[in-house]
Amino acid sequence: MRDKDAISSCALIAEVAAWAKDQGLSLLDLLESLYVRYACYKENLISIVRKGKSGIEQINAMMEKFRNQPPVSLGDQMWY
């Protein structure tokens, strides 16, 4: 089944935009006020694509390794 997050996200942003309008703000005004109050964070996402049959095999091998040998740390965070 396909992901349906976009549908609920659109409904939520419409509700926020309506609330902002009731407050005399644009959606951009509201967003900027949130940035000023709480700051903002920029995230970088790197997608690695594995295509075809060999790609599926590579992904399966990576997942099997994670299941059998889970990482014990991520950055400076250790898990025991």
C-alpha atoms as a PDB file:
ATOM      1  CA  MET A   1       0.000   0.000   0.000  1.00  0.00           C
ATOM      2  CA  ARG A   2       1.267   3.486  -0.864  1.00  0.00           C
ATOM      3  CA  ASP A   3       2.062   6.053   1.810  1.00  0.00           C
ATOM      4  CA  LYS A   4      -0.800   8.460   2.518  1.00  0.00           C
ATOM      5  CA  ASP A   5       1.022  11.029   4.703  1.00  0.00           C
ATOM      6  CA  ALA A   6       0.625  13.765   2.094  1.00  0.00           C
ATOM      7  CA  ILE A   7      -3.168  13.663   2.359  1.00  0.00           C
ATOM      8  CA  SER A   8      -3.224  14.180   6.121  1.00  0.00           C
ATOM      9  CA  SER A   9      -0.405  16.757   5.847  1.00  0.00           C
ATOM     10  CA  CYS A  10      -2.475  18.821   3.400  1.00  0.00           C
ATOM     11  CA  ALA A  11      -5.466  18.760   5.753  1.00  0.00           C
ATOM     12  CA  LEU A  12      -3.272  19.784   8.683  1.00  0.00           C
ATOM     13  CA  ILE A  13      -1.589  22.671   6.852  1.00  0.00           C
ATOM     14  CA  ALA A  14      -5.009  23.910   5.685  1.00  0.00           C
ATOM     15  CA  GLU A  15      -6.170  23.951   9.313  1.00  0.00           C
ATOM     16  CA  VAL A  16      -3.033  25.840  10.405  1.00  0.00           C
ATOM     17  CA  ALA A  17      -3.457  28.341   7.549  1.00  0.00           C
ATOM     18  CA  ALA A  18      -7.080  28.949   8.578  1.00  0.00           C
ATOM     19  CA  TRP A  19      -6.026  29.496  12.206  1.00  0.00           C
ATOM     20  CA  ALA A  20      -3.270  31.907  11.134  1.00  0.00           C
ATOM     21  CA  LYS A  21      -5.748  33.861   9.009  1.00  0.00           C
ATOM     22  CA  ASP A  22      -8.079  34.168  12.021  1.00  0.00           C
ATOM     23  CA  GLN A  23      -5.105  35.636  13.911  1.00  0.00           C
ATOM     24  CA  GLY A  24      -4.439  38.153  11.125  1.00  0.00           C
ATOM     25  CA  LEU A  25      -1.315  36.322   9.972  1.00  0.00           C
ATOM     26  CA  SER A  26      -0.273  34.699   6.748  1.00  0.00           C
ATOM     27  CA  LEU A  27       1.107  31.201   6.841  1.00  0.00           C
ATOM     28  CA  LEU A  28       4.554  32.655   6.089  1.00  0.00           C
ATOM     29  CA  ASP A  29       4.196  35.124   9.003  1.00  0.00           C
ATOM     30  CA  LEU A  30       3.362  32.248  11.332  1.00  0.00           C
ATOM     31  CA  LEU A  31       6.286  30.159  10.093  1.00  0.00           C
ATOM     32  CA  GLU A  32       8.716  33.053  10.501  1.00  0.00           C
ATOM     33  CA  SER A  33       7.467  33.674  14.052  1.00  0.00           C
ATOM     34  CA  LEU A  34       8.105  30.021  14.862  1.00  0.00           C
ATOM     35  CA  TYR A  35      11.639  30.329  13.468  1.00  0.00           C
ATOM     36  CA  VAL A  36      12.275  33.401  15.612  1.00  0.00           C
ATOM     37  CA  ARG A  37      10.888  31.740  18.733  1.00  0.00           C
ATOM     38  CA  TYR A  38      12.307  28.232  18.370  1.00  0.00           C
ATOM     39  CA  ALA A  39      14.996  28.576  15.663  1.00  0.00           C
ATOM     40  CA  CYS A  40      15.117  26.312  12.658  1.00  0.00           C
ATOM     41  CA  TYR A  41      17.066  23.270  11.592  1.00  0.00           C
ATOM     42  CA  LYS A  42      18.153  22.349   8.104  1.00  0.00           C
ATOM     43  CA  GLU A  43      18.498  18.675   7.415  1.00  0.00           C
ATOM     44  CA  ASN A  44      20.411  17.035   4.611  1.00  0.00           C
ATOM     45  CA  LEU A  45      19.136  13.738   3.304  1.00  0.00           C
ATOM     46  CA  ILE A  46      21.200  11.513   1.077  1.00  0.00           C
ATOM     47  CA  SER A  47      19.270   8.834  -0.772  1.00  0.00           C
ATOM     48  CA  ILE A  48      21.192   5.858  -2.050  1.00  0.00           C
ATOM     49  CA  VAL A  49      19.352   3.979  -4.773  1.00  0.00           C
ATOM     50  CA  ARG A  50      20.041   0.357  -5.607  1.00  0.00           C
ATOM     51  CA  LYS A  51      18.421  -0.633  -8.902  1.00  0.00           C
ATOM     52  CA  GLY A  52      17.504  -3.933 -10.425  1.00  0.00           C
ATOM     53  CA  LYS A  53      17.963  -7.458  -9.177  1.00  0.00           C
ATOM     54  CA  SER A  54      21.497  -6.785  -7.921  1.00  0.00           C
ATOM     55  CA  GLY A  55      20.182  -3.750  -6.040  1.00  0.00           C
ATOM     56  CA  ILE A  56      17.530  -5.832  -4.304  1.00  0.00           C
ATOM     57  CA  GLU A  57      20.198  -8.372  -3.371  1.00  0.00           C
ATOM     58  CA  GLN A  58      22.431  -5.613  -1.953  1.00  0.00           C
ATOM     59  CA  ILE A  59      19.568  -4.173   0.099  1.00  0.00           C
ATOM     60  CA  ASN A  60      18.619  -7.615   1.395  1.00  0.00           C
ATOM     61  CA  ALA A  61      22.240  -8.281   2.382  1.00  0.00           C
ATOM     62  CA  MET A  62      22.468  -4.932   4.217  1.00  0.00           C
ATOM     63  CA  MET A  63      19.209  -5.581   6.084  1.00  0.00           C
ATOM     64  CA  GLU A  64      20.283  -9.095   7.026  1.00  0.00           C
ATOM     65  CA  LYS A  65      23.541  -7.707   8.411  1.00  0.00           C
ATOM     66  CA  PHE A  66      21.649  -5.061  10.457  1.00  0.00           C
ATOM     67  CA  ARG A  67      19.366  -7.760  11.858  1.00  0.00           C
ATOM     68  CA  ASN A  68      22.193 -10.123  12.767  1.00  0.00           C
ATOM     69  CA  GLN A  69      24.822  -7.535  13.767  1.00  0.00           C
ATOM     70  CA  PRO A  70      22.994  -4.375  14.885  1.00  0.00           C
ATOM     71  CA  PRO A  71      25.120  -1.257  15.367  1.00  0.00           C
ATOM     72  CA  VAL A  72      26.320  -0.566  18.899  1.00  0.00           C
ATOM     73  CA  SER A  73      26.730   3.178  18.378  1.00  0.00           C
ATOM     74  CA  LEU A  74      25.596   6.045  16.229  1.00  0.00           C
ATOM     75  CA  GLY A  75      27.880   9.068  16.276  1.00  0.00           C
ATOM     76  CA  ASP A  76      28.869   9.513  19.910  1.00  0.00           C
ATOM     77  CA  GLN A  77      25.816   7.639  21.280  1.00  0.00           C
ATOM     78  CA  MET A  78      26.490   4.143  22.565  1.00  0.00           C
ATOM     79  CA  TRP A  79      23.858   1.414  23.030  1.00  0.00           C
ATOM     80  CA  TYR A  80      24.454  -1.540  25.259  1.00  0.00           C
END
